[in-house]
Amino acid sequence: MTDPQIEDIYARLDSLTEEVNSLKTQIGVVGTTQYAVVQILDRLERVETTQAQHTQLLAQHTQLLNEILQILRDRNGGSGI
């Protein structure tokens, strides 16, 4: 092989090394992004679960409050509080 051919091979190797490093960086970014999306979805699911629990508790408390108000109305002869 001549010196120009060897230099060409080294130049191509350098170019391939840069491309591989670029791909590694891109893969790292994609992996990080996917992990972040999974974390966000997990947190949203927990928020939805908590919100559903709070809605259920509010409905129960509203029902109890209505029962208490009905008892008070009945004791006051239906005249209100």
PDB file of N, CA and C in Angstrom:
ATOM      1  N   MET A   1       0.839  -1.190   0.000  1.00  0.00           N
ATOM      2  CA  MET A   1       0.000   0.000   0.000  1.00  0.00           C
ATOM      3  C   MET A   1       0.873   1.237   0.000  1.00  0.00           C
ATOM      4  N   THR A   2       0.350   2.222  -0.651  1.00  0.00           N
ATOM      5  CA  THR A   2       1.073   3.494  -0.703  1.00  0.00           C
ATOM      6  C   THR A   2       0.635   4.368   0.463  1.00  0.00           C
ATOM      7  N   ASP A   3       1.434   5.380   0.723  1.00  0.00           N
ATOM      8  CA  ASP A   3       1.112   6.307   1.825  1.00  0.00           C
ATOM      9  C   ASP A   3      -0.247   6.980   1.637  1.00  0.00           C
ATOM     10  N   PRO A   4      -0.595   7.426   0.425  1.00  0.00           N
ATOM     11  CA  PRO A   4      -1.926   8.033   0.257  1.00  0.00           C
ATOM     12  C   PRO A   4      -3.064   7.046   0.543  1.00  0.00           C
ATOM     13  N   GLN A   5      -2.900   5.777   0.207  1.00  0.00           N
ATOM     14  CA  GLN A   5      -3.936   4.779   0.482  1.00  0.00           C
ATOM     15  C   GLN A   5      -4.082   4.562   1.993  1.00  0.00           C
ATOM     16  N   ILE A   6      -2.933   4.520   2.683  1.00  0.00           N
ATOM     17  CA  ILE A   6      -2.975   4.339   4.145  1.00  0.00           C
ATOM     18  C   ILE A   6      -3.619   5.557   4.796  1.00  0.00           C
ATOM     19  N   GLU A   7      -3.282   6.738   4.325  1.00  0.00           N
ATOM     20  CA  GLU A   7      -3.883   7.962   4.865  1.00  0.00           C
ATOM     21  C   GLU A   7      -5.385   7.987   4.605  1.00  0.00           C
ATOM     22  N   ASP A   8      -5.789   7.495   3.434  1.00  0.00           N
ATOM     23  CA  ASP A   8      -7.219   7.423   3.114  1.00  0.00           C
ATOM     24  C   ASP A   8      -7.933   6.469   4.067  1.00  0.00           C
ATOM     25  N   ILE A   9      -7.314   5.326   4.359  1.00  0.00           N
ATOM     26  CA  ILE A   9      -7.902   4.354   5.294  1.00  0.00           C
ATOM     27  C   ILE A   9      -8.044   4.990   6.669  1.00  0.00           C
ATOM     28  N   TYR A  10      -7.003   5.690   7.137  1.00  0.00           N
ATOM     29  CA  TYR A  10      -7.075   6.357   8.444  1.00  0.00           C
ATOM     30  C   TYR A  10      -8.158   7.435   8.462  1.00  0.00           C
ATOM     31  N   ALA A  11      -8.291   8.167   7.376  1.00  0.00           N
ATOM     32  CA  ALA A  11      -9.325   9.203   7.294  1.00  0.00           C
ATOM     33  C   ALA A  11     -10.709   8.576   7.361  1.00  0.00           C
ATOM     34  N   ARG A  12     -10.876   7.454   6.670  1.00  0.00           N
ATOM     35  CA  ARG A  12     -12.173   6.763   6.717  1.00  0.00           C
ATOM     36  C   ARG A  12     -12.450   6.209   8.108  1.00  0.00           C
ATOM     37  N   LEU A  13     -11.415   5.660   8.753  1.00  0.00           N
ATOM     38  CA  LEU A  13     -11.580   5.158  10.122  1.00  0.00           C
ATOM     39  C   LEU A  13     -11.972   6.289  11.070  1.00  0.00           C
ATOM     40  N   ASP A  14     -11.332   7.438  10.918  1.00  0.00           N
ATOM     41  CA  ASP A  14     -11.674   8.595  11.758  1.00  0.00           C
ATOM     42  C   ASP A  14     -13.125   9.011  11.529  1.00  0.00           C
ATOM     43  N   SER A  15     -13.531   9.010  10.266  1.00  0.00           N
ATOM     44  CA  SER A  15     -14.906   9.381   9.938  1.00  0.00           C
ATOM     45  C   SER A  15     -15.898   8.387  10.547  1.00  0.00           C
ATOM     46  N   LEU A  16     -15.593   7.102  10.427  1.00  0.00           N
ATOM     47  CA  LEU A  16     -16.464   6.079  11.016  1.00  0.00           C
ATOM     48  C   LEU A  16     -16.504   6.196  12.531  1.00  0.00           C
ATOM     49  N   THR A  17     -15.383   6.503  13.152  1.00  0.00           N
ATOM     50  CA  THR A  17     -15.340   6.681  14.603  1.00  0.00           C
ATOM     51  C   THR A  17     -16.238   7.839  15.022  1.00  0.00           C
ATOM     52  N   GLU A  18     -16.182   8.941  14.272  1.00  0.00           N
ATOM     53  CA  GLU A  18     -17.049  10.093  14.576  1.00  0.00           C
ATOM     54  C   GLU A  18     -18.522   9.722  14.430  1.00  0.00           C
ATOM     55  N   GLU A  19     -18.859   8.970  13.385  1.00  0.00           N
ATOM     56  CA  GLU A  19     -20.250   8.565  13.180  1.00  0.00           C
ATOM     57  C   GLU A  19     -20.728   7.643  14.287  1.00  0.00           C
ATOM     58  N   VAL A  20     -19.881   6.706  14.700  1.00  0.00           N
ATOM     59  CA  VAL A  20     -20.255   5.791  15.788  1.00  0.00           C
ATOM     60  C   VAL A  20     -20.463   6.576  17.083  1.00  0.00           C
ATOM     61  N   ASN A  21     -19.558   7.505  17.364  1.00  0.00           N
ATOM     62  CA  ASN A  21     -19.715   8.316  18.578  1.00  0.00           C
ATOM     63  C   ASN A  21     -20.986   9.152  18.524  1.00  0.00           C
ATOM     64  N   SER A  22     -21.304   9.675  17.350  1.00  0.00           N
ATOM     65  CA  SER A  22     -22.538  10.443  17.191  1.00  0.00           C
ATOM     66  C   SER A  22     -23.754   9.559  17.437  1.00  0.00           C
ATOM     67  N   LEU A  23     -23.719   8.352  16.904  1.00  0.00           N
ATOM     68  CA  LEU A  23     -24.837   7.423  17.117  1.00  0.00           C
ATOM     69  C   LEU A  23     -24.977   7.045  18.590  1.00  0.00           C
ATOM     70  N   LYS A  24     -23.855   6.852  19.255  1.00  0.00           N
ATOM     71  CA  LYS A  24     -23.898   6.544  20.689  1.00  0.00           C
ATOM     72  C   LYS A  24     -24.568   7.677  21.459  1.00  0.00           C
ATOM     73  N   THR A  25     -24.228   8.911  21.102  1.00  0.00           N
ATOM     74  CA  THR A  25     -24.832  10.071  21.757  1.00  0.00           C
ATOM     75  C   THR A  25     -26.333  10.123  21.499  1.00  0.00           C
ATOM     76  N   GLN A  26     -26.715   9.889  20.242  1.00  0.00           N
ATOM     77  CA  GLN A  26     -28.136   9.916  19.890  1.00  0.00           C
ATOM     78  C   GLN A  26     -28.902   8.824  20.623  1.00  0.00           C
ATOM     79  N   ILE A  27     -28.320   7.648  20.715  1.00  0.00           N
ATOM     80  CA  ILE A  27     -28.974   6.540  21.419  1.00  0.00           C
ATOM     81  C   ILE A  27     -29.130   6.885  22.899  1.00  0.00           C
ATOM     82  N   GLY A  28     -28.105   7.522  23.468  1.00  0.00           N
ATOM     83  CA  GLY A  28     -28.187   7.933  24.868  1.00  0.00           C
ATOM     84  C   GLY A  28     -29.302   8.927  25.091  1.00  0.00           C
ATOM     85  N   VAL A  29     -29.445   9.874  24.167  1.00  0.00           N
ATOM     86  CA  VAL A  29     -30.500  10.887  24.285  1.00  0.00           C
ATOM     87  C   VAL A  29     -31.869  10.225  24.171  1.00  0.00           C
ATOM     88  N   VAL A  30     -32.020   9.309  23.229  1.00  0.00           N
ATOM     89  CA  VAL A  30     -33.305   8.620  23.056  1.00  0.00           C
ATOM     90  C   VAL A  30     -33.634   7.808  24.305  1.00  0.00           C
ATOM     91  N   GLY A  31     -32.641   7.099  24.849  1.00  0.00           N
ATOM     92  CA  GLY A  31     -32.875   6.324  26.063  1.00  0.00           C
ATOM     93  C   GLY A  31     -33.277   7.196  27.225  1.00  0.00           C
ATOM     94  N   THR A  32     -32.600   8.324  27.374  1.00  0.00           N
ATOM     95  CA  THR A  32     -32.919   9.258  28.459  1.00  0.00           C
ATOM     96  C   THR A  32     -34.318   9.819  28.285  1.00  0.00           C
ATOM     97  N   THR A  33     -34.666  10.154  27.054  1.00  0.00           N
ATOM     98  CA  THR A  33     -35.998  10.693  26.776  1.00  0.00           C
ATOM     99  C   THR A  33     -37.076   9.661  27.079  1.00  0.00           C
ATOM    100  N   GLN A  34     -36.842   8.420  26.672  1.00  0.00           N
ATOM    101  CA  GLN A  34     -37.824   7.369  26.940  1.00  0.00           C
ATOM    102  C   GLN A  34     -37.996   7.168  28.444  1.00  0.00           C
ATOM    103  N   TYR A  35     -36.906   7.197  29.187  1.00  0.00           N
ATOM    104  CA  TYR A  35     -36.983   7.040  30.632  1.00  0.00           C
ATOM    105  C   TYR A  35     -37.783   8.180  31.259  1.00  0.00           C
ATOM    106  N   ALA A  36     -37.541   9.399  30.777  1.00  0.00           N
ATOM    107  CA  ALA A  36     -38.271  10.560  31.290  1.00  0.00           C
ATOM    108  C   ALA A  36     -39.762  10.435  30.997  1.00  0.00           C
ATOM    109  N   VAL A  37     -40.111   9.965  29.810  1.00  0.00           N
ATOM    110  CA  VAL A  37     -41.523   9.790  29.444  1.00  0.00           C
ATOM    111  C   VAL A  37     -42.174   8.757  30.353  1.00  0.00           C
ATOM    112  N   VAL A  38     -41.475   7.669  30.626  1.00  0.00           N
ATOM    113  CA  VAL A  38     -42.014   6.628  31.516  1.00  0.00           C
ATOM    114  C   VAL A  38     -42.250   7.203  32.907  1.00  0.00           C
ATOM    115  N   GLN A  39     -41.307   8.003  33.404  1.00  0.00           N
ATOM    116  CA  GLN A  39     -41.485   8.615  34.726  1.00  0.00           C
ATOM    117  C   GLN A  39     -42.687   9.557  34.740  1.00  0.00           C
ATOM    118  N   ILE A  40     -42.843  10.353  33.703  1.00  0.00           N
ATOM    119  CA  ILE A  40     -43.975  11.290  33.632  1.00  0.00           C
ATOM    120  C   ILE A  40     -45.289  10.522  33.606  1.00  0.00           C
ATOM    121  N   LEU A  41     -45.370   9.469  32.800  1.00  0.00           N
ATOM    122  CA  LEU A  41     -46.601   8.676  32.717  1.00  0.00           C
ATOM    123  C   LEU A  41     -46.919   8.008  34.053  1.00  0.00           C
ATOM    124  N   ASP A  42     -45.876   7.537  34.740  1.00  0.00           N
ATOM    125  CA  ASP A  42     -46.082   6.919  36.049  1.00  0.00           C
ATOM    126  C   ASP A  42     -46.639   7.937  37.043  1.00  0.00           C
ATOM    127  N   ARG A  43     -46.091   9.135  37.024  1.00  0.00           N
ATOM    128  CA  ARG A  43     -46.580  10.176  37.939  1.00  0.00           C
ATOM    129  C   ARG A  43     -48.002  10.585  37.598  1.00  0.00           C
ATOM    130  N   LEU A  44     -48.308  10.683  36.311  1.00  0.00           N
ATOM    131  CA  LEU A  44     -49.676  11.018  35.907  1.00  0.00           C
ATOM    132  C   LEU A  44     -50.661   9.953  36.366  1.00  0.00           C
ATOM    133  N   GLU A  45     -50.249   8.698  36.263  1.00  0.00           N
ATOM    134  CA  GLU A  45     -51.120   7.611  36.714  1.00  0.00           C
ATOM    135  C   GLU A  45     -51.379   7.719  38.212  1.00  0.00           C
ATOM    136  N   ARG A  46     -50.331   8.048  38.974  1.00  0.00           N
ATOM    137  CA  ARG A  46     -50.513   8.204  40.423  1.00  0.00           C
ATOM    138  C   ARG A  46     -51.415   9.387  40.739  1.00  0.00           C
ATOM    139  N   VAL A  47     -51.270  10.474  39.988  1.00  0.00           N
ATOM    140  CA  VAL A  47     -52.128  11.643  40.201  1.00  0.00           C
ATOM    141  C   VAL A  47     -53.579  11.293  39.889  1.00  0.00           C
ATOM    142  N   GLU A  48     -53.802  10.567  38.793  1.00  0.00           N
ATOM    143  CA  GLU A  48     -55.165  10.168  38.436  1.00  0.00           C
ATOM    144  C   GLU A  48     -55.775   9.272  39.513  1.00  0.00           C
ATOM    145  N   THR A  49     -54.974   8.357  40.049  1.00  0.00           N
ATOM    146  CA  THR A  49     -55.462   7.473  41.107  1.00  0.00           C
ATOM    147  C   THR A  49     -55.825   8.279  42.347  1.00  0.00           C
ATOM    148  N   THR A  50     -54.960   9.204  42.720  1.00  0.00           N
ATOM    149  CA  THR A  50     -55.213  10.053  43.894  1.00  0.00           C
ATOM    150  C   THR A  50     -56.444  10.916  43.669  1.00  0.00           C
ATOM    151  N   GLN A  51     -56.578  11.450  42.475  1.00  0.00           N
ATOM    152  CA  GLN A  51     -57.738  12.286  42.165  1.00  0.00           C
ATOM    153  C   GLN A  51     -59.024  11.472  42.247  1.00  0.00           C
ATOM    154  N   ALA A  52     -58.994  10.245  41.754  1.00  0.00           N
ATOM    155  CA  ALA A  52     -60.176   9.386  41.827  1.00  0.00           C
ATOM    156  C   ALA A  52     -60.525   9.083  43.286  1.00  0.00           C
ATOM    157  N   GLN A  53     -59.508   8.845  44.104  1.00  0.00           N
ATOM    158  CA  GLN A  53     -59.757   8.589  45.529  1.00  0.00           C
ATOM    159  C   GLN A  53     -60.367   9.818  46.198  1.00  0.00           C
ATOM    160  N   HIS A  54     -59.855  10.990  45.875  1.00  0.00           N
ATOM    161  CA  HIS A  54     -60.387  12.222  46.467  1.00  0.00           C
ATOM    162  C   HIS A  54     -61.830  12.465  46.018  1.00  0.00           C
ATOM    163  N   THR A  55     -62.112  12.184  44.772  1.00  0.00           N
ATOM    164  CA  THR A  55     -63.469  12.344  44.266  1.00  0.00           C
ATOM    165  C   THR A  55     -64.416  11.408  45.002  1.00  0.00           C
ATOM    166  N   GLN A  56     -63.969  10.185  45.241  1.00  0.00           N
ATOM    167  CA  GLN A  56     -64.799   9.214  45.963  1.00  0.00           C
ATOM    168  C   GLN A  56     -65.024   9.672  47.408  1.00  0.00           C
ATOM    169  N   LEU A  57     -63.971  10.158  48.055  1.00  0.00           N
ATOM    170  CA  LEU A  57     -64.109  10.650  49.430  1.00  0.00           C
ATOM    171  C   LEU A  57     -65.050  11.855  49.493  1.00  0.00           C
ATOM    172  N   LEU A  58     -64.939  12.749  48.532  1.00  0.00           N
ATOM    173  CA  LEU A  58     -65.811  13.914  48.494  1.00  0.00           C
ATOM    174  C   LEU A  58     -67.272  13.488  48.342  1.00  0.00           C
ATOM    175  N   ALA A  59     -67.515  12.502  47.500  1.00  0.00           N
ATOM    176  CA  ALA A  59     -68.881  12.011  47.325  1.00  0.00           C
ATOM    177  C   ALA A  59     -69.406  11.405  48.616  1.00  0.00           C
ATOM    178  N   GLN A  60     -68.563  10.652  49.318  1.00  0.00           N
ATOM    179  CA  GLN A  60     -68.971  10.058  50.596  1.00  0.00           C
ATOM    180  C   GLN A  60     -69.257  11.142  51.628  1.00  0.00           C
ATOM    181  N   HIS A  61     -68.384  12.142  51.693  1.00  0.00           N
ATOM    182  CA  HIS A  61     -68.589  13.226  52.665  1.00  0.00           C
ATOM    183  C   HIS A  61     -69.840  14.031  52.341  1.00  0.00           C
ATOM    184  N   THR A  62     -70.086  14.239  51.059  1.00  0.00           N
ATOM    185  CA  THR A  62     -71.291  14.963  50.645  1.00  0.00           C
ATOM    186  C   THR A  62     -72.535  14.187  51.050  1.00  0.00           C
ATOM    187  N   GLN A  63     -72.501  12.881  50.858  1.00  0.00           N
ATOM    188  CA  GLN A  63     -73.642  12.040  51.241  1.00  0.00           C
ATOM    189  C   GLN A  63     -73.864  12.105  52.753  1.00  0.00           C
ATOM    190  N   LEU A  64     -72.779  12.015  53.527  1.00  0.00           N
ATOM    191  CA  LEU A  64     -72.907  12.095  54.986  1.00  0.00           C
ATOM    192  C   LEU A  64     -73.438  13.460  55.415  1.00  0.00           C
ATOM    193  N   LEU A  65     -72.932  14.514  54.790  1.00  0.00           N
ATOM    194  CA  LEU A  65     -73.395  15.854  55.119  1.00  0.00           C
ATOM    195  C   LEU A  65     -74.881  16.006  54.814  1.00  0.00           C
ATOM    196  N   ASN A  66     -75.323  15.466  53.688  1.00  0.00           N
ATOM    197  CA  ASN A  66     -76.745  15.519  53.344  1.00  0.00           C
ATOM    198  C   ASN A  66     -77.590  14.756  54.355  1.00  0.00           C
ATOM    199  N   GLU A  67     -77.074  13.613  54.819  1.00  0.00           N
ATOM    200  CA  GLU A  67     -77.800  12.844  55.837  1.00  0.00           C
ATOM    201  C   GLU A  67     -77.890  13.630  57.142  1.00  0.00           C
ATOM    202  N   ILE A  68     -76.794  14.275  57.534  1.00  0.00           N
ATOM    203  CA  ILE A  68     -76.795  15.082  58.754  1.00  0.00           C
ATOM    204  C   ILE A  68     -77.778  16.238  58.626  1.00  0.00           C
ATOM    205  N   LEU A  69     -77.752  16.908  57.480  1.00  0.00           N
ATOM    206  CA  LEU A  69     -78.691  18.021  57.269  1.00  0.00           C
ATOM    207  C   LEU A  69     -80.139  17.528  57.304  1.00  0.00           C
ATOM    208  N   GLN A  70     -80.404  16.361  56.745  1.00  0.00           N
ATOM    209  CA  GLN A  70     -81.755  15.804  56.764  1.00  0.00           C
ATOM    210  C   GLN A  70     -82.200  15.508  58.195  1.00  0.00           C
ATOM    211  N   ILE A  71     -81.296  14.960  59.003  1.00  0.00           N
ATOM    212  CA  ILE A  71     -81.618  14.672  60.411  1.00  0.00           C
ATOM    213  C   ILE A  71     -81.930  15.979  61.141  1.00  0.00           C
ATOM    214  N   LEU A  72     -81.121  17.008  60.914  1.00  0.00           N
ATOM    215  CA  LEU A  72     -81.357  18.291  61.569  1.00  0.00           C
ATOM    216  C   LEU A  72     -82.688  18.907  61.126  1.00  0.00           C
ATOM    217  N   ARG A  73     -83.017  18.779  59.844  1.00  0.00           N
ATOM    218  CA  ARG A  73     -84.297  19.294  59.359  1.00  0.00           C
ATOM    219  C   ARG A  73     -85.453  18.556  60.027  1.00  0.00           C
ATOM    220  N   ASP A  74     -85.323  17.243  60.084  1.00  0.00           N
ATOM    221  CA  ASP A  74     -86.378  16.438  60.721  1.00  0.00           C
ATOM    222  C   ASP A  74     -86.564  16.837  62.187  1.00  0.00           C
ATOM    223  N   ARG A  75     -85.496  17.105  62.886  1.00  0.00           N
ATOM    224  CA  ARG A  75     -85.585  17.488  64.309  1.00  0.00           C
ATOM    225  C   ARG A  75     -86.180  18.874  64.464  1.00  0.00           C
ATOM    226  N   ASN A  76     -86.000  19.697  63.498  1.00  0.00           N
ATOM    227  CA  ASN A  76     -86.544  21.061  63.557  1.00  0.00           C
ATOM    228  C   ASN A  76     -87.905  21.166  62.901  1.00  0.00           C
ATOM    229  N   GLY A  77     -88.521  20.039  62.631  1.00  0.00           N
ATOM    230  CA  GLY A  77     -89.858  20.042  62.058  1.00  0.00           C
ATOM    231  C   GLY A  77     -89.870  20.438  60.601  1.00  0.00           C
ATOM    232  N   GLY A  78     -88.745  20.223  59.915  1.00  0.00           N
ATOM    233  CA  GLY A  78     -88.696  20.526  58.494  1.00  0.00           C
ATOM    234  C   GLY A  78     -88.565  21.996  58.192  1.00  0.00           C
ATOM    235  N   SER A  79     -88.303  22.821  59.233  1.00  0.00           N
ATOM    236  CA  SER A  79     -88.227  24.256  59.005  1.00  0.00           C
ATOM    237  C   SER A  79     -86.851  24.707  58.557  1.00  0.00           C
ATOM    238  N   GLY A  80     -85.924  23.806  58.445  1.00  0.00           N
ATOM    239  CA  GLY A  80     -84.556  24.199  58.082  1.00  0.00           C
ATOM    240  C   GLY A  80     -83.738  24.470  59.313  1.00  0.00           C
ATOM    241  N   ILE A  81     -82.543  24.868  59.103  1.00  0.00           N
ATOM    242  CA  ILE A  81     -81.634  25.080  60.231  1.00  0.00           C
ATOM    243  C   ILE A  81     -81.620  26.551  60.615  1.00  0.00           C
TER     244      ILE A  81
END
